[in-house]
Protein backbone atom coordinates (compact mmCIF):
# COMPACT_ATOMS: atom_id res chain seq x y z
CA UNK A 1 0.00 0.00 0.00
CA UNK A 2 1.53 3.31 -0.99
CA UNK A 3 0.74 6.84 0.10
CA UNK A 4 -1.43 7.66 -2.92
CA UNK A 5 -3.76 4.76 -2.01
CA UNK A 6 -4.13 6.22 1.46
CA UNK A 7 -4.87 9.66 0.00
CA UNK A 8 -7.43 8.18 -2.41
CA UNK A 9 -9.13 6.36 0.47
CA UNK A 10 -9.20 9.60 2.48
CA UNK A 11 -10.70 11.52 -0.46
CA UNK A 12 -13.41 8.87 -0.96
CA UNK A 13 -14.21 8.81 2.75
CA UNK A 14 -14.38 12.59 3.10
CA UNK A 15 -16.34 13.14 -0.15
CA UNK A 16 -19.78 12.71 1.42
CA UNK A 17 -19.16 15.15 4.25
CA UNK A 18 -19.90 18.87 4.02
CA UNK A 19 -16.92 21.09 3.09
CA UNK A 20 -16.80 22.88 6.45
CA UNK A 21 -16.76 19.67 8.45
CA UNK A 22 -14.25 17.96 6.15
CA UNK A 23 -11.89 20.93 6.52
CA UNK A 24 -12.15 20.63 10.29
CA UNK A 25 -11.50 16.89 10.09
CA UNK A 26 -8.40 17.50 7.97
CA UNK A 27 -7.19 20.14 10.41
CA UNK A 28 -7.83 17.83 13.37
CA UNK A 29 -5.87 15.00 11.73
CA UNK A 30 -2.99 17.38 10.97
CA UNK A 31 -2.92 18.70 14.54
CA UNK A 32 -3.13 15.18 15.97
CA UNK A 33 -0.22 14.09 13.77
CA UNK A 34 1.86 17.11 14.81
CA UNK A 35 1.03 16.63 18.50
CA UNK A 36 1.88 12.91 18.37
CA UNK A 37 5.18 13.60 16.63
CA UNK A 38 6.02 16.32 19.16
CA UNK A 39 5.28 14.04 22.14
CA UNK A 40 7.40 11.27 20.63
CA UNK A 41 10.38 13.53 19.95
CA UNK A 42 10.06 15.30 23.30
CA UNK A 43 10.00 12.03 25.22
CA UNK A 44 12.83 10.36 23.29
CA UNK A 45 15.03 13.27 22.23
CA UNK A 46 18.23 11.97 23.82
CA UNK A 47 17.73 8.47 22.39
CA UNK A 48 17.01 9.85 18.92
CA UNK A 49 20.21 11.92 18.98
CA UNK A 50 22.26 8.96 20.23
CA UNK A 51 20.90 6.66 17.52
CA UNK A 52 21.69 9.25 14.83
CA UNK A 53 25.23 9.71 16.17
CA UNK A 54 26.09 6.04 16.68
CA UNK A 55 24.27 4.54 13.69
CA UNK A 56 24.94 6.83 10.71
CA UNK A 57 22.70 4.75 8.43
CA UNK A 58 19.65 6.16 10.26
CA UNK A 59 20.15 9.61 8.73
CA UNK A 60 18.80 8.65 5.25
CA UNK A 61 15.88 6.86 6.91
CA UNK A 62 15.07 9.95 8.97
CA UNK A 63 15.19 12.10 5.83
CA UNK A 64 12.75 9.72 4.13
CA UNK A 65 10.41 9.83 7.12
CA UNK A 66 10.61 13.63 7.16
CA UNK A 67 9.74 13.77 3.43
CA UNK A 68 6.72 11.53 4.01
CA UNK A 69 5.54 13.65 6.95
CA UNK A 70 5.93 16.84 4.90
CA UNK A 71 4.02 15.26 2.01
CA UNK A 72 1.16 14.18 4.30
CA UNK A 73 1.09 17.60 5.97
CA UNK A 74 0.91 19.38 2.61
CA UNK A 75 -1.90 17.05 1.52
CA UNK A 76 -3.93 17.77 4.64
CA UNK A 77 -3.25 21.53 4.48
CA UNK A 78 -4.48 21.58 0.88
CA UNK A 79 -7.62 19.73 1.97
CA UNK A 80 -8.23 22.33 4.70
CA UNK A 81 -7.82 25.16 2.16
CA UNK A 82 -10.05 23.51 -0.45
CA UNK A 83 -12.93 22.87 1.92
C-alpha atoms as a PDB file:
ATOM      1  CA  UNK A   1       0.000   0.000   0.000  1.00  0.00           C
ATOM      2  CA  UNK A   2       1.531   3.308  -0.994  1.00  0.00           C
ATOM      3  CA  UNK A   3       0.740   6.837   0.095  1.00  0.00           C
ATOM      4  CA  UNK A   4      -1.429   7.655  -2.919  1.00  0.00           C
ATOM      5  CA  UNK A   5      -3.755   4.764  -2.011  1.00  0.00           C
ATOM      6  CA  UNK A   6      -4.129   6.224   1.464  1.00  0.00           C
ATOM      7  CA  UNK A   7      -4.871   9.663   0.000  1.00  0.00           C
ATOM      8  CA  UNK A   8      -7.427   8.182  -2.406  1.00  0.00           C
ATOM      9  CA  UNK A   9      -9.128   6.358   0.469  1.00  0.00           C
ATOM     10  CA  UNK A  10      -9.202   9.604   2.475  1.00  0.00           C
ATOM     11  CA  UNK A  11     -10.700  11.517  -0.456  1.00  0.00           C
ATOM     12  CA  UNK A  12     -13.413   8.868  -0.961  1.00  0.00           C
ATOM     13  CA  UNK A  13     -14.206   8.806   2.747  1.00  0.00           C
ATOM     14  CA  UNK A  14     -14.382  12.592   3.104  1.00  0.00           C
ATOM     15  CA  UNK A  15     -16.344  13.145  -0.150  1.00  0.00           C
ATOM     16  CA  UNK A  16     -19.782  12.709   1.420  1.00  0.00           C
ATOM     17  CA  UNK A  17     -19.160  15.155   4.250  1.00  0.00           C
ATOM     18  CA  UNK A  18     -19.899  18.874   4.021  1.00  0.00           C
ATOM     19  CA  UNK A  19     -16.917  21.092   3.086  1.00  0.00           C
ATOM     20  CA  UNK A  20     -16.803  22.880   6.445  1.00  0.00           C
ATOM     21  CA  UNK A  21     -16.758  19.674   8.453  1.00  0.00           C
ATOM     22  CA  UNK A  22     -14.254  17.962   6.148  1.00  0.00           C
ATOM     23  CA  UNK A  23     -11.885  20.928   6.524  1.00  0.00           C
ATOM     24  CA  UNK A  24     -12.148  20.634  10.288  1.00  0.00           C
ATOM     25  CA  UNK A  25     -11.496  16.885  10.089  1.00  0.00           C
ATOM     26  CA  UNK A  26      -8.396  17.502   7.966  1.00  0.00           C
ATOM     27  CA  UNK A  27      -7.189  20.137  10.413  1.00  0.00           C
ATOM     28  CA  UNK A  28      -7.834  17.832  13.370  1.00  0.00           C
ATOM     29  CA  UNK A  29      -5.867  15.004  11.734  1.00  0.00           C
ATOM     30  CA  UNK A  30      -2.988  17.384  10.972  1.00  0.00           C
ATOM     31  CA  UNK A  31      -2.918  18.699  14.536  1.00  0.00           C
ATOM     32  CA  UNK A  32      -3.126  15.178  15.967  1.00  0.00           C
ATOM     33  CA  UNK A  33      -0.220  14.085  13.770  1.00  0.00           C
ATOM     34  CA  UNK A  34       1.861  17.107  14.807  1.00  0.00           C
ATOM     35  CA  UNK A  35       1.026  16.627  18.500  1.00  0.00           C
ATOM     36  CA  UNK A  36       1.882  12.912  18.369  1.00  0.00           C
ATOM     37  CA  UNK A  37       5.182  13.603  16.635  1.00  0.00           C
ATOM     38  CA  UNK A  38       6.025  16.324  19.164  1.00  0.00           C
ATOM     39  CA  UNK A  39       5.277  14.045  22.135  1.00  0.00           C
ATOM     40  CA  UNK A  40       7.405  11.270  20.630  1.00  0.00           C
ATOM     41  CA  UNK A  41      10.378  13.530  19.950  1.00  0.00           C
ATOM     42  CA  UNK A  42      10.060  15.302  23.300  1.00  0.00           C
ATOM     43  CA  UNK A  43       9.999  12.032  25.223  1.00  0.00           C
ATOM     44  CA  UNK A  44      12.829  10.359  23.295  1.00  0.00           C
ATOM     45  CA  UNK A  45      15.029  13.268  22.231  1.00  0.00           C
ATOM     46  CA  UNK A  46      18.230  11.967  23.824  1.00  0.00           C
ATOM     47  CA  UNK A  47      17.728   8.470  22.385  1.00  0.00           C
ATOM     48  CA  UNK A  48      17.008   9.851  18.915  1.00  0.00           C
ATOM     49  CA  UNK A  49      20.210  11.925  18.979  1.00  0.00           C
ATOM     50  CA  UNK A  50      22.264   8.961  20.228  1.00  0.00           C
ATOM     51  CA  UNK A  51      20.903   6.661  17.521  1.00  0.00           C
ATOM     52  CA  UNK A  52      21.690   9.249  14.831  1.00  0.00           C
ATOM     53  CA  UNK A  53      25.232   9.706  16.167  1.00  0.00           C
ATOM     54  CA  UNK A  54      26.087   6.042  16.678  1.00  0.00           C
ATOM     55  CA  UNK A  55      24.266   4.542  13.693  1.00  0.00           C
ATOM     56  CA  UNK A  56      24.945   6.826  10.706  1.00  0.00           C
ATOM     57  CA  UNK A  57      22.700   4.752   8.431  1.00  0.00           C
ATOM     58  CA  UNK A  58      19.654   6.155  10.256  1.00  0.00           C
ATOM     59  CA  UNK A  59      20.150   9.609   8.728  1.00  0.00           C
ATOM     60  CA  UNK A  60      18.800   8.648   5.254  1.00  0.00           C
ATOM     61  CA  UNK A  61      15.881   6.859   6.912  1.00  0.00           C
ATOM     62  CA  UNK A  62      15.069   9.953   8.966  1.00  0.00           C
ATOM     63  CA  UNK A  63      15.192  12.099   5.834  1.00  0.00           C
ATOM     64  CA  UNK A  64      12.745   9.719   4.129  1.00  0.00           C
ATOM     65  CA  UNK A  65      10.410   9.827   7.118  1.00  0.00           C
ATOM     66  CA  UNK A  66      10.606  13.626   7.157  1.00  0.00           C
ATOM     67  CA  UNK A  67       9.739  13.767   3.432  1.00  0.00           C
ATOM     68  CA  UNK A  68       6.719  11.534   4.009  1.00  0.00           C
ATOM     69  CA  UNK A  69       5.537  13.647   6.950  1.00  0.00           C
ATOM     70  CA  UNK A  70       5.933  16.838   4.902  1.00  0.00           C
ATOM     71  CA  UNK A  71       4.018  15.263   2.013  1.00  0.00           C
ATOM     72  CA  UNK A  72       1.161  14.183   4.295  1.00  0.00           C
ATOM     73  CA  UNK A  73       1.085  17.601   5.966  1.00  0.00           C
ATOM     74  CA  UNK A  74       0.912  19.379   2.609  1.00  0.00           C
ATOM     75  CA  UNK A  75      -1.900  17.045   1.517  1.00  0.00           C
ATOM     76  CA  UNK A  76      -3.929  17.774   4.643  1.00  0.00           C
ATOM     77  CA  UNK A  77      -3.245  21.527   4.480  1.00  0.00           C
ATOM     78  CA  UNK A  78      -4.478  21.577   0.881  1.00  0.00           C
ATOM     79  CA  UNK A  79      -7.622  19.735   1.971  1.00  0.00           C
ATOM     80  CA  UNK A  80      -8.229  22.327   4.699  1.00  0.00           C
ATOM     81  CA  UNK A  81      -7.816  25.156   2.164  1.00  0.00           C
ATOM     82  CA  UNK A  82     -10.047  23.512  -0.449  1.00  0.00           C
ATOM     83  CA  UNK A  83     -12.932  22.873   1.921  1.00  0.00           C
END
